[in-house]
Amino acid sequence: MTVMDNNQIVYIAQAKSNRLVKMFTTIYTENTITDKEELIKELEEIRKKAMP
């Protein structure tokens, strides 16, 4: 997971894998959430769905 810091990408989370992982970055797709409040709301929804 990455975030933008001015004009740089900062990795804030990673996951280890025992397999080869192809990594690429596409910035600002049509589904990108750029508003902080909207991102927080989306993360809350994800937590609700993930937590029984």
PDB file of N, CA and C in Angstrom:
ATOM      1  N   MET A   1       0.850  -1.153   0.000  1.00  0.00           N
ATOM      2  CA  MET A   1       0.000   0.000   0.000  1.00  0.00           C
ATOM      3  C   MET A   1       0.903   1.225   0.000  1.00  0.00           C
ATOM      4  N   THR A   2       0.536   2.190  -0.768  1.00  0.00           N
ATOM      5  CA  THR A   2       1.335   3.404  -0.874  1.00  0.00           C
ATOM      6  C   THR A   2       0.468   4.638  -0.673  1.00  0.00           C
ATOM      7  N   VAL A   3       1.115   5.729  -0.338  1.00  0.00           N
ATOM      8  CA  VAL A   3       0.473   7.043  -0.289  1.00  0.00           C
ATOM      9  C   VAL A   3       1.385   8.027  -0.999  1.00  0.00           C
ATOM     10  N   MET A   4       0.790   9.100  -1.470  1.00  0.00           N
ATOM     11  CA  MET A   4       1.584  10.151  -2.097  1.00  0.00           C
ATOM     12  C   MET A   4       2.034  11.139  -1.024  1.00  0.00           C
ATOM     13  N   ASP A   5       3.265  11.542  -1.081  1.00  0.00           N
ATOM     14  CA  ASP A   5       3.823  12.566  -0.206  1.00  0.00           C
ATOM     15  C   ASP A   5       4.457  13.601  -1.128  1.00  0.00           C
ATOM     16  N   ASN A   6       3.730  14.687  -1.351  1.00  0.00           N
ATOM     17  CA  ASN A   6       4.086  15.672  -2.371  1.00  0.00           C
ATOM     18  C   ASN A   6       4.130  14.947  -3.712  1.00  0.00           C
ATOM     19  N   ASN A   7       5.265  14.828  -4.330  1.00  0.00           N
ATOM     20  CA  ASN A   7       5.316  14.133  -5.614  1.00  0.00           C
ATOM     21  C   ASN A   7       6.049  12.791  -5.521  1.00  0.00           C
ATOM     22  N   GLN A   8       6.106  12.218  -4.314  1.00  0.00           N
ATOM     23  CA  GLN A   8       6.777  10.940  -4.123  1.00  0.00           C
ATOM     24  C   GLN A   8       5.802   9.890  -3.609  1.00  0.00           C
ATOM     25  N   ILE A   9       6.055   8.638  -3.965  1.00  0.00           N
ATOM     26  CA  ILE A   9       5.263   7.535  -3.457  1.00  0.00           C
ATOM     27  C   ILE A   9       5.957   6.979  -2.226  1.00  0.00           C
ATOM     28  N   VAL A  10       5.193   6.827  -1.132  1.00  0.00           N
ATOM     29  CA  VAL A  10       5.728   6.301   0.126  1.00  0.00           C
ATOM     30  C   VAL A  10       4.987   4.998   0.433  1.00  0.00           C
ATOM     31  N   TYR A  11       5.732   3.911   0.585  1.00  0.00           N
ATOM     32  CA  TYR A  11       5.138   2.625   0.920  1.00  0.00           C
ATOM     33  C   TYR A  11       4.833   2.601   2.413  1.00  0.00           C
ATOM     34  N   ILE A  12       3.568   2.332   2.760  1.00  0.00           N
ATOM     35  CA  ILE A  12       3.173   2.312   4.168  1.00  0.00           C
ATOM     36  C   ILE A  12       2.825   0.910   4.653  1.00  0.00           C
ATOM     37  N   ALA A  13       2.695  -0.050   3.734  1.00  0.00           N
ATOM     38  CA  ALA A  13       2.416  -1.431   4.131  1.00  0.00           C
ATOM     39  C   ALA A  13       2.950  -2.375   3.065  1.00  0.00           C
ATOM     40  N   GLN A  14       3.405  -3.545   3.516  1.00  0.00           N
ATOM     41  CA  GLN A  14       3.906  -4.571   2.613  1.00  0.00           C
ATOM     42  C   GLN A  14       3.447  -5.933   3.120  1.00  0.00           C
ATOM     43  N   ALA A  15       3.450  -6.902   2.239  1.00  0.00           N
ATOM     44  CA  ALA A  15       3.150  -8.278   2.625  1.00  0.00           C
ATOM     45  C   ALA A  15       4.226  -9.178   2.043  1.00  0.00           C
ATOM     46  N   LYS A  16       4.748 -10.082   2.859  1.00  0.00           N
ATOM     47  CA  LYS A  16       5.762 -11.026   2.388  1.00  0.00           C
ATOM     48  C   LYS A  16       5.099 -12.125   1.560  1.00  0.00           C
ATOM     49  N   SER A  17       5.845 -12.658   0.637  1.00  0.00           N
ATOM     50  CA  SER A  17       5.348 -13.748  -0.196  1.00  0.00           C
ATOM     51  C   SER A  17       6.469 -14.748  -0.441  1.00  0.00           C
ATOM     52  N   ASN A  18       6.103 -16.023  -0.517  1.00  0.00           N
ATOM     53  CA  ASN A  18       7.066 -17.059  -0.852  1.00  0.00           C
ATOM     54  C   ASN A  18       7.184 -17.233  -2.358  1.00  0.00           C
ATOM     55  N   ARG A  19       6.376 -16.473  -3.092  1.00  0.00           N
ATOM     56  CA  ARG A  19       6.367 -16.560  -4.544  1.00  0.00           C
ATOM     57  C   ARG A  19       6.861 -15.263  -5.152  1.00  0.00           C
ATOM     58  N   LEU A  20       7.280 -15.366  -6.398  1.00  0.00           N
ATOM     59  CA  LEU A  20       7.696 -14.189  -7.126  1.00  0.00           C
ATOM     60  C   LEU A  20       6.487 -13.285  -7.345  1.00  0.00           C
ATOM     61  N   VAL A  21       6.643 -12.019  -7.049  1.00  0.00           N
ATOM     62  CA  VAL A  21       5.542 -11.070  -7.179  1.00  0.00           C
ATOM     63  C   VAL A  21       5.947  -9.976  -8.157  1.00  0.00           C
ATOM     64  N   LYS A  22       5.119  -9.785  -9.154  1.00  0.00           N
ATOM     65  CA  LYS A  22       5.365  -8.699 -10.103  1.00  0.00           C
ATOM     66  C   LYS A  22       4.780  -7.435  -9.500  1.00  0.00           C
ATOM     67  N   MET A  23       5.581  -6.391  -9.457  1.00  0.00           N
ATOM     68  CA  MET A  23       5.132  -5.157  -8.827  1.00  0.00           C
ATOM     69  C   MET A  23       5.121  -4.032  -9.844  1.00  0.00           C
ATOM     70  N   PHE A  24       4.067  -3.288  -9.845  1.00  0.00           N
ATOM     71  CA  PHE A  24       3.955  -2.140 -10.733  1.00  0.00           C
ATOM     72  C   PHE A  24       3.124  -1.072 -10.038  1.00  0.00           C
ATOM     73  N   THR A  25       3.230   0.125 -10.496  1.00  0.00           N
ATOM     74  CA  THR A  25       2.498   1.232  -9.894  1.00  0.00           C
ATOM     75  C   THR A  25       1.764   2.010 -10.973  1.00  0.00           C
ATOM     76  N   THR A  26       0.481   2.189 -10.762  1.00  0.00           N
ATOM     77  CA  THR A  26      -0.320   3.050 -11.612  1.00  0.00           C
ATOM     78  C   THR A  26      -0.917   4.115 -10.703  1.00  0.00           C
ATOM     79  N   ILE A  27      -0.691   5.337 -11.025  1.00  0.00           N
ATOM     80  CA  ILE A  27      -1.138   6.428 -10.168  1.00  0.00           C
ATOM     81  C   ILE A  27      -2.456   7.000 -10.676  1.00  0.00           C
ATOM     82  N   TYR A  28      -3.369   7.178  -9.757  1.00  0.00           N
ATOM     83  CA  TYR A  28      -4.648   7.842 -10.019  1.00  0.00           C
ATOM     84  C   TYR A  28      -5.460   7.197 -11.131  1.00  0.00           C
ATOM     85  N   THR A  29      -5.976   5.997 -10.857  1.00  0.00           N
ATOM     86  CA  THR A  29      -6.939   5.391 -11.772  1.00  0.00           C
ATOM     87  C   THR A  29      -8.307   5.991 -11.470  1.00  0.00           C
ATOM     88  N   GLU A  30      -9.290   5.611 -12.244  1.00  0.00           N
ATOM     89  CA  GLU A  30     -10.636   6.155 -12.031  1.00  0.00           C
ATOM     90  C   GLU A  30     -11.215   5.739 -10.681  1.00  0.00           C
ATOM     91  N   ASN A  31     -10.644   4.693 -10.057  1.00  0.00           N
ATOM     92  CA  ASN A  31     -11.133   4.228  -8.751  1.00  0.00           C
ATOM     93  C   ASN A  31     -10.320   4.755  -7.579  1.00  0.00           C
ATOM     94  N   THR A  32      -9.341   5.590  -7.830  1.00  0.00           N
ATOM     95  CA  THR A  32      -8.484   6.112  -6.773  1.00  0.00           C
ATOM     96  C   THR A  32      -9.265   7.050  -5.862  1.00  0.00           C
ATOM     97  N   ILE A  33      -9.136   6.820  -4.572  1.00  0.00           N
ATOM     98  CA  ILE A  33      -9.748   7.707  -3.584  1.00  0.00           C
ATOM     99  C   ILE A  33      -8.693   8.734  -3.202  1.00  0.00           C
ATOM    100  N   THR A  34      -8.966   9.993  -3.490  1.00  0.00           N
ATOM    101  CA  THR A  34      -7.995  11.053  -3.217  1.00  0.00           C
ATOM    102  C   THR A  34      -8.408  11.945  -2.055  1.00  0.00           C
ATOM    103  N   ASP A  35      -9.636  11.764  -1.568  1.00  0.00           N
ATOM    104  CA  ASP A  35     -10.135  12.567  -0.454  1.00  0.00           C
ATOM    105  C   ASP A  35      -9.939  11.797   0.855  1.00  0.00           C
ATOM    106  N   LYS A  36      -9.308  12.433   1.846  1.00  0.00           N
ATOM    107  CA  LYS A  36      -8.986  11.763   3.110  1.00  0.00           C
ATOM    108  C   LYS A  36     -10.233  11.228   3.808  1.00  0.00           C
ATOM    109  N   GLU A  37     -11.282  12.022   3.895  1.00  0.00           N
ATOM    110  CA  GLU A  37     -12.504  11.592   4.581  1.00  0.00           C
ATOM    111  C   GLU A  37     -13.167  10.422   3.846  1.00  0.00           C
ATOM    112  N   GLU A  38     -13.148  10.479   2.533  1.00  0.00           N
ATOM    113  CA  GLU A  38     -13.714   9.383   1.744  1.00  0.00           C
ATOM    114  C   GLU A  38     -12.915   8.101   1.955  1.00  0.00           C
ATOM    115  N   LEU A  39     -11.595   8.211   2.046  1.00  0.00           N
ATOM    116  CA  LEU A  39     -10.749   7.042   2.300  1.00  0.00           C
ATOM    117  C   LEU A  39     -11.043   6.444   3.671  1.00  0.00           C
ATOM    118  N   ILE A  40     -11.174   7.284   4.672  1.00  0.00           N
ATOM    119  CA  ILE A  40     -11.486   6.798   6.020  1.00  0.00           C
ATOM    120  C   ILE A  40     -12.826   6.074   6.025  1.00  0.00           C
ATOM    121  N   LYS A  41     -13.816   6.639   5.348  1.00  0.00           N
ATOM    122  CA  LYS A  41     -15.135   6.001   5.259  1.00  0.00           C
ATOM    123  C   LYS A  41     -15.037   4.640   4.572  1.00  0.00           C
ATOM    124  N   GLU A  42     -14.276   4.561   3.478  1.00  0.00           N
ATOM    125  CA  GLU A  42     -14.101   3.301   2.755  1.00  0.00           C
ATOM    126  C   GLU A  42     -13.405   2.259   3.631  1.00  0.00           C
ATOM    127  N   LEU A  43     -12.377   2.658   4.361  1.00  0.00           N
ATOM    128  CA  LEU A  43     -11.676   1.728   5.251  1.00  0.00           C
ATOM    129  C   LEU A  43     -12.590   1.226   6.369  1.00  0.00           C
ATOM    130  N   GLU A  44     -13.467   2.090   6.887  1.00  0.00           N
ATOM    131  CA  GLU A  44     -14.425   1.667   7.910  1.00  0.00           C
ATOM    132  C   GLU A  44     -15.373   0.619   7.342  1.00  0.00           C
ATOM    133  N   GLU A  45     -15.840   0.815   6.101  1.00  0.00           N
ATOM    134  CA  GLU A  45     -16.716  -0.153   5.460  1.00  0.00           C
ATOM    135  C   GLU A  45     -16.005  -1.492   5.266  1.00  0.00           C
ATOM    136  N   ILE A  46     -14.755  -1.444   4.867  1.00  0.00           N
ATOM    137  CA  ILE A  46     -13.981  -2.677   4.677  1.00  0.00           C
ATOM    138  C   ILE A  46     -13.833  -3.419   6.001  1.00  0.00           C
ATOM    139  N   ARG A  47     -13.561  -2.676   7.085  1.00  0.00           N
ATOM    140  CA  ARG A  47     -13.420  -3.295   8.412  1.00  0.00           C
ATOM    141  C   ARG A  47     -14.721  -3.984   8.822  1.00  0.00           C
ATOM    142  N   LYS A  48     -15.859  -3.318   8.574  1.00  0.00           N
ATOM    143  CA  LYS A  48     -17.157  -3.892   8.934  1.00  0.00           C
ATOM    144  C   LYS A  48     -17.394  -5.213   8.198  1.00  0.00           C
ATOM    145  N   LYS A  49     -17.018  -5.253   6.934  1.00  0.00           N
ATOM    146  CA  LYS A  49     -17.209  -6.470   6.137  1.00  0.00           C
ATOM    147  C   LYS A  49     -16.245  -7.575   6.551  1.00  0.00           C
ATOM    148  N   ALA A  50     -15.062  -7.217   7.001  1.00  0.00           N
ATOM    149  CA  ALA A  50     -14.039  -8.201   7.341  1.00  0.00           C
ATOM    150  C   ALA A  50     -14.206  -8.755   8.751  1.00  0.00           C
ATOM    151  N   MET A  51     -14.777  -7.968   9.631  1.00  0.00           N
ATOM    152  CA  MET A  51     -14.917  -8.386  11.024  1.00  0.00           C
ATOM    153  C   MET A  51     -16.288  -9.009  11.242  1.00  0.00           C
ATOM    154  N   PRO A  52     -16.322 -10.264  11.707  1.00  0.00           N
ATOM    155  CA  PRO A  52     -17.631 -10.932  11.934  1.00  0.00           C
ATOM    156  C   PRO A  52     -18.359 -10.349  13.121  1.00  0.00           C
TER     157      PRO A  52
END
